[in-house]
Amino acid sequence: MKVGRIVMIVVGALLALIGFGLLAGGTAGLIAYATQRTDGFFQTGEVRLASPTYAITSDRVDLESEPGEADWLVDRGALGTVRLRLDPARPETPIFAGIGPTADVASYLEGVPRDSIRDIELSPDRVLYRRVPGEAAPQPPGEEPFWVAQVTTDTEDELTWEVESGDWTVVLMNADASRGVDVDARLGIKIDWLLPALMGMLVAGVVILAGGAVLVIFGGRGLARRDEPTPAAAPTQWPAPTTPVAAPTATALDVRPAAAPYPLRLTGHLDADLSRGLWLVKWLLAIPHYIVLVFLWIAFTVVSVIAFFAILFTERYPRGLFDFNVGVLRWSWRVGYYSYSTLGTDRYPPFSLQPADYPAELTVQYPERLSRGLVLVKWWLLALPHYVIVALFGGGWWLGWWEPSDARWTGESPGLIGLLVLFAAAAFLFTGRYPRSIFDFVMGLNRWVYRVIAYAALMTDQYPPFRLDQGSEDDSGTTIDGGLVQGSLPSR
């Protein structure tokens, strides 16, 4: 498996992710553009603004241009048009709304008690203010000459302003500069170049997504393993028998056909010479692997999406992409086995997607055909019971507590796997022995988790069994009846 092919898949997956984000954002923006406008303006809901002081002001709106910026960003109107609609709570008291330079507004309201809007929450409607104290009383705002846009509700209820470069503050006051401002307001904005920008996002998203998919597909083709598997050698017996050994007969035993083995097989062999203290710093030693795995799992997700459509139309999982995703699972299992999913070895995991001489291994049998119907439901609907169980294994929400004040469940634990590994590590630290029963149980839990991942990632149609296949070796599919392991002869 060439490094260049892996890089091609990872880069392609990242491009596909970026392209998908642009495509989704452009599509959502176009839908909003077509359905959420009023007279060409995107408009908020009605918000109640009220203050017992003389004025309500916005935080400063800094639209100052930097040297070297394109002229179209600072020209009048290039940044859009703002509309503020006002409905006074007391019609007999007209409301003044104005937009002015921040420095002039600050000078005009110096020493005047007012409320500055700190935040507006639209669901539910709530406005947070910051009180600015003072003792002075202002002059009527309509007499001031510095406003770049202004309106008084006794003549008009709508302020419209073509946004300009500068440092601005919005002010709401009673027109007679009296105390007690109370008004319902709606804010709208219109950007003339928004539609071309959204179309550009849509086109760029399609192009980048297609380019990323091509890289992933061509990279995956080079990773397909075409070699035929080497036939397994016939088992030998030791010591060699001097006379023929009669095959065990089924008449004295309850022999039943063995169940089919699950396509994913996960193994892990416990090291006999584990370090008592190394597990304390493995989180640090594994950081390079964690960084690589972040990108590999992004690629894994994108590859799974591509495989979804491939299976839907061809009933086949592209072999190169399948081998790549198996490699990501294998890499993840090795790092987990080395670190805090098992702590079963002190051998540093290899930076490889391929099978290797390592105590932990994972393989998935390639499916020649996959169901088009199952691919639509197995990754979410059919896998739901397993998701609940795997959440218990990997996430410790069930060990949290209810917080009445916030009406929510709080607290988090490492999950069942993490807790068992922690207990085993503590026991090993003080006794020098990794409890074998905990190891076998943890192996079964990890095996369950990875089977669910493979099923949800569309790599098999065989439903994961609801059972723990414990131990180092994955013996799923074999049955033991009267001491005879079905499908093989016991070695001596």
Protein backbone atom coordinates (compact mmCIF):
# COMPACT_ATOMS: atom_id res chain seq x y z
CA MET A 1 0.00 0.00 0.00
CA LYS A 2 1.79 3.06 -1.22
CA VAL A 3 2.04 6.19 0.89
CA GLY A 4 1.14 8.32 -2.12
CA ARG A 5 -2.17 6.51 -2.51
CA ILE A 6 -3.00 7.04 1.15
CA VAL A 7 -2.17 10.76 0.87
CA MET A 8 -4.36 10.95 -2.23
CA ILE A 9 -7.30 9.45 -0.33
CA VAL A 10 -6.84 11.71 2.69
CA VAL A 11 -6.48 14.87 0.57
CA GLY A 12 -9.44 13.82 -1.54
CA ALA A 13 -11.52 13.20 1.57
CA LEU A 14 -10.66 16.64 2.98
CA LEU A 15 -11.53 18.29 -0.35
CA ALA A 16 -14.77 16.33 -0.48
CA LEU A 17 -15.60 17.47 3.06
CA ILE A 18 -14.93 21.12 2.15
CA GLY A 19 -16.93 20.74 -1.05
CA PHE A 20 -19.83 19.18 0.81
CA GLY A 21 -19.80 22.06 3.31
CA LEU A 22 -19.86 24.64 0.51
CA LEU A 23 -22.60 22.73 -1.29
CA ALA A 24 -24.73 22.45 1.86
CA GLY A 25 -24.16 26.10 2.78
CA GLY A 26 -24.94 27.32 -0.73
CA THR A 27 -28.08 25.20 -0.94
CA ALA A 28 -29.34 26.35 2.48
CA GLY A 29 -28.59 29.97 1.56
CA LEU A 30 -30.47 29.72 -1.73
CA ILE A 31 -33.48 28.17 0.01
CA ALA A 32 -33.45 30.99 2.57
CA TYR A 33 -32.98 33.55 -0.18
CA ALA A 34 -36.04 32.22 -1.98
CA THR A 35 -38.32 31.80 1.04
CA GLN A 36 -37.20 34.02 3.94
CA ARG A 37 -37.16 37.48 2.38
CA THR A 38 -39.59 40.39 2.64
CA ASP A 39 -39.20 43.03 -0.08
CA GLY A 40 -35.73 41.66 -0.72
CA PHE A 41 -34.68 41.91 2.96
CA PHE A 42 -33.79 39.13 5.35
CA GLN A 43 -35.70 40.16 8.44
CA THR A 44 -35.65 39.19 12.10
CA GLY A 45 -38.72 38.65 14.20
CA GLU A 46 -40.14 41.45 16.31
CA VAL A 47 -38.03 42.28 19.37
CA ARG A 48 -39.21 44.36 22.33
CA LEU A 49 -36.66 47.03 23.32
CA ALA A 50 -37.40 48.86 26.55
CA SER A 51 -35.38 50.93 29.01
CA PRO A 52 -36.26 53.29 31.87
CA THR A 53 -33.31 55.50 30.89
CA TYR A 54 -33.02 58.16 28.16
CA ALA A 55 -31.68 55.98 25.36
CA ILE A 56 -30.99 52.49 24.03
CA THR A 57 -27.81 52.14 22.01
CA SER A 58 -26.13 49.36 20.08
CA ASP A 59 -22.58 48.27 20.60
CA ARG A 60 -20.25 50.05 18.20
CA VAL A 61 -20.41 48.66 14.67
CA ASP A 62 -16.86 48.84 13.33
CA LEU A 63 -16.87 48.85 9.52
CA GLU A 64 -13.61 50.73 9.13
CA SER A 65 -11.71 49.66 6.00
CA GLU A 66 -8.08 48.63 6.22
CA PRO A 67 -5.43 50.03 3.87
CA GLY A 68 -5.21 47.95 0.74
CA GLU A 69 -8.77 46.59 0.87
CA ALA A 70 -10.66 46.37 -2.40
CA ASP A 71 -12.60 49.54 -3.15
CA TRP A 72 -15.88 47.71 -3.65
CA LEU A 73 -15.85 46.67 0.00
CA VAL A 74 -15.89 50.26 1.23
CA ASP A 75 -17.92 52.03 -1.44
CA ARG A 76 -21.35 53.23 -0.40
CA GLY A 77 -23.88 50.42 -0.64
CA ALA A 78 -21.37 47.64 -1.26
CA LEU A 79 -21.87 46.22 2.22
CA GLY A 80 -25.64 46.08 1.86
CA THR A 81 -28.70 47.96 3.02
CA VAL A 82 -30.06 47.94 6.58
CA ARG A 83 -33.72 48.50 7.43
CA LEU A 84 -35.07 49.12 10.93
CA ARG A 85 -38.85 49.01 11.39
CA LEU A 86 -40.27 50.56 14.56
CA ASP A 87 -43.60 50.21 16.35
CA PRO A 88 -43.80 52.42 19.49
CA ALA A 89 -45.42 50.80 22.52
CA ARG A 90 -46.96 54.24 23.32
CA PRO A 91 -48.14 55.82 20.05
CA GLU A 92 -48.50 59.19 21.77
CA THR A 93 -44.70 59.21 22.35
CA PRO A 94 -42.86 59.21 19.00
CA ILE A 95 -39.61 57.25 18.84
CA PHE A 96 -36.44 58.60 17.26
CA ALA A 97 -33.98 56.17 15.62
CA GLY A 98 -30.65 57.34 14.31
CA ILE A 99 -27.30 56.02 13.13
CA GLY A 100 -24.26 58.15 13.75
CA PRO A 101 -20.49 58.03 14.11
CA THR A 102 -19.57 56.37 17.42
CA ALA A 103 -17.41 59.28 18.56
CA ASP A 104 -20.20 61.84 17.95
CA VAL A 105 -22.81 59.64 19.64
CA ALA A 106 -20.54 59.18 22.67
CA SER A 107 -20.04 62.94 22.91
CA TYR A 108 -23.78 63.61 22.59
CA LEU A 109 -24.68 61.06 25.30
CA GLU A 110 -21.78 61.82 27.63
CA GLY A 111 -23.02 61.62 31.21
CA VAL A 112 -26.50 60.51 30.08
CA PRO A 113 -27.86 57.31 31.67
CA ARG A 114 -28.60 54.74 28.98
CA ASP A 115 -28.75 51.03 28.21
CA SER A 116 -26.39 49.51 25.67
CA ILE A 117 -27.55 46.30 23.97
CA ARG A 118 -25.11 43.52 24.81
CA ASP A 119 -26.93 40.57 23.22
CA ILE A 120 -30.26 39.70 21.60
CA GLU A 121 -31.67 36.19 21.82
CA LEU A 122 -34.51 35.55 19.40
CA SER A 123 -35.73 32.19 20.76
CA PRO A 124 -37.04 32.97 23.29
CA ASP A 125 -37.00 36.74 22.84
CA ARG A 126 -34.63 38.23 25.37
CA VAL A 127 -32.45 41.32 25.27
CA LEU A 128 -29.42 41.72 27.52
CA TYR A 129 -28.32 45.25 28.33
CA ARG A 130 -25.32 46.92 29.90
CA ARG A 131 -26.30 49.95 31.98
CA VAL A 132 -24.23 53.11 31.46
CA PRO A 133 -24.81 55.38 34.48
CA GLY A 134 -25.04 59.16 34.39
CA GLU A 135 -26.88 62.23 35.71
CA ALA A 136 -27.18 64.46 32.63
CA ALA A 137 -30.30 64.94 30.51
CA PRO A 138 -29.83 65.01 26.70
CA GLN A 139 -31.10 67.49 24.16
CA PRO A 140 -33.74 66.21 21.67
CA PRO A 141 -31.84 63.93 19.24
CA GLY A 142 -33.45 65.32 16.08
CA GLU A 143 -31.59 68.62 16.60
CA GLU A 144 -28.17 66.99 16.24
CA PRO A 145 -26.45 67.32 12.84
CA PHE A 146 -24.23 64.22 12.84
CA TRP A 147 -26.77 61.50 11.99
CA VAL A 148 -26.14 59.71 8.69
CA ALA A 149 -29.64 58.20 8.83
CA GLN A 150 -32.57 59.07 11.08
CA VAL A 151 -36.32 58.65 11.39
CA THR A 152 -39.08 59.71 13.81
CA THR A 153 -42.14 57.52 14.05
CA ASP A 154 -44.63 60.39 13.96
CA THR A 155 -43.77 60.80 10.28
CA GLU A 156 -42.30 57.40 9.25
CA ASP A 157 -41.83 54.02 10.93
CA GLU A 158 -38.92 52.72 8.88
CA LEU A 159 -35.23 53.68 8.85
CA THR A 160 -33.24 52.64 5.77
CA TRP A 161 -29.46 53.01 5.51
CA GLU A 162 -27.01 51.95 2.84
CA VAL A 163 -24.11 50.64 4.89
CA GLU A 164 -20.91 52.67 4.71
CA SER A 165 -17.39 52.15 5.94
CA GLY A 166 -16.90 53.65 9.37
CA ASP A 167 -17.47 53.21 13.09
CA TRP A 168 -21.17 53.52 13.85
CA THR A 169 -23.67 53.37 16.72
CA VAL A 170 -27.46 52.96 16.49
CA VAL A 171 -29.52 55.04 18.95
CA LEU A 172 -33.17 54.71 19.97
CA MET A 173 -34.70 57.54 22.04
CA ASN A 174 -37.98 59.27 22.63
CA ALA A 175 -38.18 62.10 20.13
CA ASP A 176 -38.60 64.62 22.97
CA ALA A 177 -35.55 63.14 24.83
CA SER A 178 -37.72 62.05 27.77
CA ARG A 179 -37.08 58.99 29.94
CA GLY A 180 -38.59 55.59 29.29
CA VAL A 181 -37.94 54.18 25.81
CA ASP A 182 -40.31 51.39 24.74
CA VAL A 183 -40.53 50.11 21.15
CA ASP A 184 -40.95 46.94 19.10
CA ALA A 185 -38.29 46.65 16.39
CA ARG A 186 -37.53 44.48 13.38
CA LEU A 187 -34.09 44.49 11.75
CA GLY A 188 -33.65 43.60 8.09
CA ILE A 189 -30.67 43.47 5.74
CA LYS A 190 -30.36 43.25 1.98
CA ILE A 191 -27.12 42.36 0.22
CA ASP A 192 -27.28 42.79 -3.54
CA TRP A 193 -24.34 40.48 -4.24
CA LEU A 194 -25.62 37.67 -1.99
CA LEU A 195 -27.30 35.70 -4.80
CA PRO A 196 -24.16 35.58 -7.01
CA ALA A 197 -22.12 34.63 -3.92
CA LEU A 198 -24.47 31.76 -3.07
CA MET A 199 -24.41 30.54 -6.67
CA GLY A 200 -20.63 30.68 -6.58
CA MET A 201 -20.60 28.63 -3.34
CA LEU A 202 -22.88 26.06 -4.97
CA VAL A 203 -20.72 25.72 -8.08
CA ALA A 204 -17.48 25.65 -6.08
CA GLY A 205 -18.94 23.02 -3.76
CA VAL A 206 -19.90 20.76 -6.68
CA VAL A 207 -16.47 21.13 -8.32
CA ILE A 208 -14.47 20.58 -5.11
CA LEU A 209 -16.68 17.68 -4.01
CA ALA A 210 -16.32 16.02 -7.41
CA GLY A 211 -12.54 16.57 -7.40
CA GLY A 212 -12.22 15.11 -3.91
CA ALA A 213 -14.34 12.10 -4.85
CA VAL A 214 -12.17 11.45 -7.92
CA LEU A 215 -9.01 11.56 -5.79
CA VAL A 216 -10.54 9.16 -3.25
CA ILE A 217 -11.69 6.73 -5.94
CA PHE A 218 -8.41 6.71 -7.87
CA GLY A 219 -6.40 6.53 -4.66
CA GLY A 220 -8.54 3.63 -3.50
CA ARG A 221 -8.03 1.71 -6.71
CA GLY A 222 -4.33 1.51 -6.02
CA LEU A 223 -4.94 0.08 -2.57
CA ALA A 224 -6.97 -2.92 -3.67
CA ARG A 225 -5.23 -6.15 -2.77
CA ARG A 226 -5.37 -8.57 -5.66
CA ASP A 227 -3.19 -11.28 -4.26
CA GLU A 228 -4.82 -14.62 -3.65
CA PRO A 229 -4.72 -15.74 -0.03
CA THR A 230 -2.12 -18.35 0.79
CA PRO A 231 -3.72 -21.68 1.68
CA ALA A 232 -3.33 -22.49 5.36
CA ALA A 233 -0.99 -25.38 6.12
CA ALA A 234 -2.52 -28.52 7.51
CA PRO A 235 -2.32 -28.59 11.33
CA THR A 236 0.43 -30.77 12.75
CA GLN A 237 0.37 -32.81 15.91
CA TRP A 238 3.13 -32.89 18.50
CA PRO A 239 4.55 -35.29 19.32
CA ALA A 240 3.99 -37.08 16.01
CA PRO A 241 1.86 -40.16 16.53
CA THR A 242 3.46 -43.53 15.74
CA THR A 243 0.13 -45.03 14.76
CA PRO A 244 -2.74 -43.52 12.85
CA VAL A 245 -5.07 -41.55 15.03
CA ALA A 246 -8.70 -42.37 14.50
CA ALA A 247 -10.88 -39.37 13.82
CA PRO A 248 -13.34 -38.69 16.62
CA THR A 249 -16.76 -40.01 15.85
CA ALA A 250 -19.88 -37.96 16.29
CA THR A 251 -21.89 -40.82 17.74
CA ALA A 252 -20.62 -40.20 21.26
CA LEU A 253 -20.92 -36.39 21.05
CA ASP A 254 -23.67 -33.88 20.48
CA VAL A 255 -22.39 -32.41 17.22
CA ARG A 256 -24.11 -29.38 15.77
CA PRO A 257 -23.12 -27.29 12.74
CA ALA A 258 -21.02 -24.27 13.61
CA ALA A 259 -22.44 -20.81 13.09
CA ALA A 260 -20.92 -18.71 10.32
CA PRO A 261 -18.06 -16.55 11.65
CA TYR A 262 -18.67 -12.82 11.70
CA PRO A 263 -16.92 -11.03 8.79
CA LEU A 264 -14.95 -8.78 11.15
CA ARG A 265 -12.33 -10.60 13.20
CA LEU A 266 -10.48 -8.79 15.97
CA THR A 267 -7.60 -10.31 17.94
CA GLY A 268 -5.23 -9.14 20.65
CA HIS A 269 -2.52 -11.03 22.52
CA LEU A 270 -1.59 -9.81 25.98
CA ASP A 271 2.12 -9.08 26.44
CA ALA A 272 3.75 -11.00 29.27
CA ASP A 273 6.27 -8.26 30.10
CA LEU A 274 4.15 -5.12 30.36
CA SER A 275 5.68 -2.11 32.13
CA ARG A 276 3.97 -1.17 35.37
CA GLY A 277 4.20 2.58 34.79
CA LEU A 278 4.32 3.13 31.04
CA TRP A 279 0.51 3.30 30.80
CA LEU A 280 0.63 6.60 32.72
CA VAL A 281 2.25 8.37 29.74
CA LYS A 282 0.86 6.44 26.79
CA TRP A 283 -1.61 9.28 26.17
CA LEU A 284 1.41 11.46 25.42
CA LEU A 285 3.25 8.85 23.34
CA ALA A 286 0.15 8.18 21.23
CA ILE A 287 -0.41 11.84 20.27
CA PRO A 288 1.20 11.42 16.80
CA HIS A 289 -1.21 8.57 16.11
CA TYR A 290 -4.18 10.60 17.35
CA ILE A 291 -3.30 13.43 14.95
CA VAL A 292 -3.05 11.06 11.98
CA LEU A 293 -6.26 9.29 12.95
CA VAL A 294 -8.22 12.55 12.92
CA PHE A 295 -7.53 12.89 9.20
CA LEU A 296 -7.95 9.18 8.54
CA TRP A 297 -11.40 9.17 10.15
CA ILE A 298 -12.44 12.19 8.10
CA ALA A 299 -11.41 10.19 5.05
CA PHE A 300 -13.21 7.13 6.45
CA THR A 301 -16.46 9.10 6.68
CA VAL A 302 -16.19 10.50 3.15
CA VAL A 303 -15.29 7.07 1.75
CA SER A 304 -18.32 5.58 3.49
CA VAL A 305 -20.58 8.17 1.85
CA ILE A 306 -19.11 7.36 -1.58
CA ALA A 307 -19.52 3.65 -0.85
CA PHE A 308 -23.18 4.25 0.05
CA PHE A 309 -23.97 5.44 -3.47
CA ALA A 310 -21.75 2.79 -5.05
CA ILE A 311 -23.65 0.04 -3.20
CA LEU A 312 -26.99 1.65 -3.97
CA PHE A 313 -26.33 1.59 -7.72
CA THR A 314 -23.99 -1.38 -8.18
CA GLU A 315 -24.46 -3.60 -5.08
CA ARG A 316 -20.69 -3.52 -4.64
CA TYR A 317 -18.36 -1.77 -2.22
CA PRO A 318 -15.38 -0.56 -4.33
CA ARG A 319 -12.53 -2.86 -3.29
CA GLY A 320 -9.87 -0.19 -2.96
CA LEU A 321 -12.08 2.00 -0.79
CA PHE A 322 -13.05 -1.05 1.28
CA ASP A 323 -9.40 -1.92 1.93
CA PHE A 324 -8.69 1.67 2.93
CA ASN A 325 -11.51 1.74 5.48
CA VAL A 326 -10.43 -1.65 6.86
CA GLY A 327 -6.96 -0.15 7.25
CA VAL A 328 -8.37 2.79 9.22
CA LEU A 329 -10.19 0.39 11.56
CA ARG A 330 -7.02 -1.71 11.90
CA TRP A 331 -4.90 1.36 12.70
CA SER A 332 -7.47 2.57 15.25
CA TRP A 333 -7.62 -0.83 16.93
CA ARG A 334 -3.83 -1.06 17.24
CA VAL A 335 -3.66 2.40 18.83
CA GLY A 336 -6.56 1.55 21.14
CA TYR A 337 -4.95 -1.76 22.10
CA TYR A 338 -1.68 0.03 22.89
CA SER A 339 -3.44 2.83 24.79
CA TYR A 340 -6.60 3.05 26.79
CA SER A 341 -9.00 0.70 25.02
CA THR A 342 -7.01 -2.28 26.36
CA LEU A 343 -3.42 -1.47 27.45
CA GLY A 344 -2.55 -4.92 26.15
CA THR A 345 0.93 -4.19 24.79
CA ASP A 346 3.86 -1.83 25.18
CA ARG A 347 4.95 -2.26 21.54
CA TYR A 348 4.46 1.04 19.73
CA PRO A 349 1.85 0.75 16.97
CA PRO A 350 3.13 0.95 13.38
CA PHE A 351 2.08 3.87 11.18
CA SER A 352 0.46 1.59 8.65
CA LEU A 353 -2.91 0.55 7.28
CA GLN A 354 -1.61 -2.89 6.33
CA PRO A 355 -1.53 -6.10 8.38
CA ALA A 356 1.68 -6.30 10.39
CA ASP A 357 3.48 -8.38 12.98
CA TYR A 358 1.72 -6.74 15.92
CA PRO A 359 -0.07 -8.19 18.97
CA ALA A 360 -3.39 -6.65 17.86
CA GLU A 361 -4.94 -7.32 14.46
CA LEU A 362 -8.23 -6.64 12.68
CA THR A 363 -9.54 -8.01 9.40
CA VAL A 364 -12.84 -7.72 7.56
CA GLN A 365 -13.94 -10.18 4.91
CA TYR A 366 -14.69 -8.44 1.62
CA PRO A 367 -18.35 -8.85 0.55
CA GLU A 368 -18.86 -9.66 -3.11
CA ARG A 369 -22.42 -8.31 -3.02
CA LEU A 370 -24.30 -6.01 -0.64
CA SER A 371 -28.03 -5.34 -0.41
CA ARG A 372 -29.30 -2.13 -1.97
CA GLY A 373 -32.25 -2.07 0.39
CA LEU A 374 -30.28 -2.60 3.59
CA VAL A 375 -27.84 0.17 2.74
CA LEU A 376 -30.71 2.65 3.18
CA VAL A 377 -31.60 1.64 6.73
CA LYS A 378 -28.94 -0.45 8.41
CA TRP A 379 -26.60 2.41 9.35
CA TRP A 380 -29.28 4.27 11.32
CA LEU A 381 -32.48 2.32 11.92
CA LEU A 382 -31.30 -1.28 12.22
CA ALA A 383 -28.17 -0.33 14.16
CA LEU A 384 -30.05 1.75 16.79
CA PRO A 385 -30.17 -1.03 19.44
CA HIS A 386 -26.43 -1.54 19.06
CA TYR A 387 -25.78 2.21 19.26
CA VAL A 388 -27.44 2.26 22.69
CA ILE A 389 -25.29 -0.64 23.88
CA VAL A 390 -22.07 0.75 22.40
CA ALA A 391 -22.82 4.09 24.10
CA LEU A 392 -22.76 2.22 27.41
CA PHE A 393 -19.42 0.65 26.51
CA GLY A 394 -17.70 3.77 25.24
CA GLY A 395 -19.45 6.74 26.89
CA GLY A 396 -20.30 7.13 30.55
CA TRP A 397 -23.45 9.29 30.40
CA TRP A 398 -25.21 6.56 32.38
CA LEU A 399 -22.92 7.32 35.36
CA GLY A 400 -23.82 11.02 35.41
CA TRP A 401 -26.38 12.78 37.55
CA TRP A 402 -29.47 14.94 37.10
CA GLU A 403 -28.97 18.65 37.70
CA PRO A 404 -32.41 20.08 38.68
CA SER A 405 -31.33 23.72 38.38
CA ASP A 406 -30.34 23.28 34.71
CA ALA A 407 -32.92 20.53 34.01
CA ARG A 408 -30.29 18.42 32.33
CA TRP A 409 -28.14 15.36 32.80
CA THR A 410 -24.58 16.23 33.74
CA GLY A 411 -21.41 14.36 34.49
CA GLU A 412 -19.34 12.08 32.30
CA SER A 413 -17.25 8.97 32.86
CA PRO A 414 -14.81 7.09 30.63
CA GLY A 415 -17.44 4.43 29.87
CA LEU A 416 -17.39 0.74 30.73
CA ILE A 417 -14.32 -0.04 28.63
CA GLY A 418 -12.39 2.88 30.09
CA LEU A 419 -13.35 2.01 33.66
CA LEU A 420 -12.37 -1.64 33.28
CA VAL A 421 -9.04 -0.73 31.70
CA LEU A 422 -8.43 1.75 34.53
CA PHE A 423 -9.12 -0.97 37.12
CA ALA A 424 -6.79 -3.35 35.29
CA ALA A 425 -4.06 -0.70 35.10
CA ALA A 426 -4.35 0.00 38.84
CA ALA A 427 -4.19 -3.72 39.61
CA PHE A 428 -1.17 -4.13 37.36
CA LEU A 429 0.56 -1.14 38.95
CA PHE A 430 0.42 -2.71 42.41
CA THR A 431 0.53 -6.45 41.67
CA GLY A 432 2.44 -6.69 38.40
CA ARG A 433 -0.39 -8.77 36.88
CA TYR A 434 -3.04 -7.77 34.37
CA PRO A 435 -6.22 -9.57 35.54
CA ARG A 436 -6.95 -12.04 32.79
CA SER A 437 -10.70 -11.98 33.35
CA ILE A 438 -10.80 -8.21 32.83
CA PHE A 439 -8.64 -8.51 29.72
CA ASP A 440 -10.92 -11.13 28.17
CA PHE A 441 -14.01 -9.08 29.00
CA VAL A 442 -12.52 -5.87 27.57
CA MET A 443 -11.59 -7.73 24.39
CA GLY A 444 -15.21 -8.82 24.05
CA LEU A 445 -16.46 -5.26 24.50
CA ASN A 446 -14.03 -3.89 21.91
CA ARG A 447 -14.96 -6.70 19.52
CA TRP A 448 -18.63 -5.73 19.85
CA VAL A 449 -17.87 -2.05 19.21
CA TYR A 450 -15.83 -2.69 16.06
CA ARG A 451 -18.43 -5.07 14.65
CA VAL A 452 -21.06 -2.35 15.02
CA ILE A 453 -18.75 0.20 13.35
CA ALA A 454 -18.16 -2.13 10.40
CA TYR A 455 -21.89 -2.80 10.04
CA ALA A 456 -22.82 0.90 10.27
CA ALA A 457 -20.04 1.76 7.80
CA LEU A 458 -21.76 -0.51 5.23
CA MET A 459 -18.90 -3.03 5.17
CA THR A 460 -21.15 -6.04 5.77
CA ASP A 461 -24.82 -6.99 5.68
CA GLN A 462 -24.43 -9.51 8.50
CA TYR A 463 -26.10 -8.11 11.61
CA PRO A 464 -23.75 -7.89 14.62
CA PRO A 465 -24.55 -10.58 17.21
CA PHE A 466 -25.76 -9.55 20.66
CA ARG A 467 -23.04 -11.41 22.48
CA LEU A 468 -19.59 -10.98 23.98
CA ASP A 469 -16.97 -13.12 22.25
CA GLN A 470 -14.31 -12.78 24.90
CA GLY A 471 -10.63 -13.61 24.80
CA SER A 472 -7.59 -12.92 22.65
CA GLU A 473 -8.75 -14.85 19.60
CA ASP A 474 -11.96 -14.16 17.76
CA ASP A 475 -13.66 -17.56 17.97
CA SER A 476 -17.05 -16.39 16.75
CA GLY A 477 -18.82 -19.01 14.76
CA THR A 478 -17.38 -22.07 16.53
CA THR A 479 -19.35 -24.20 18.93
CA ILE A 480 -18.09 -26.55 21.60
CA ASP A 481 -20.04 -29.71 22.24
CA GLY A 482 -18.68 -32.34 24.57
CA GLY A 483 -15.16 -30.94 24.31
CA LEU A 484 -14.95 -31.02 20.48
CA VAL A 485 -14.53 -27.70 18.67
CA GLN A 486 -16.63 -27.99 15.52
CA GLY A 487 -14.81 -27.56 12.23
CA SER A 488 -11.34 -28.60 13.46
CA LEU A 489 -9.59 -31.34 15.31
CA PRO A 490 -8.13 -30.56 18.70
CA SER A 491 -4.36 -30.27 18.60
CA ARG A 492 -2.23 -32.26 20.99
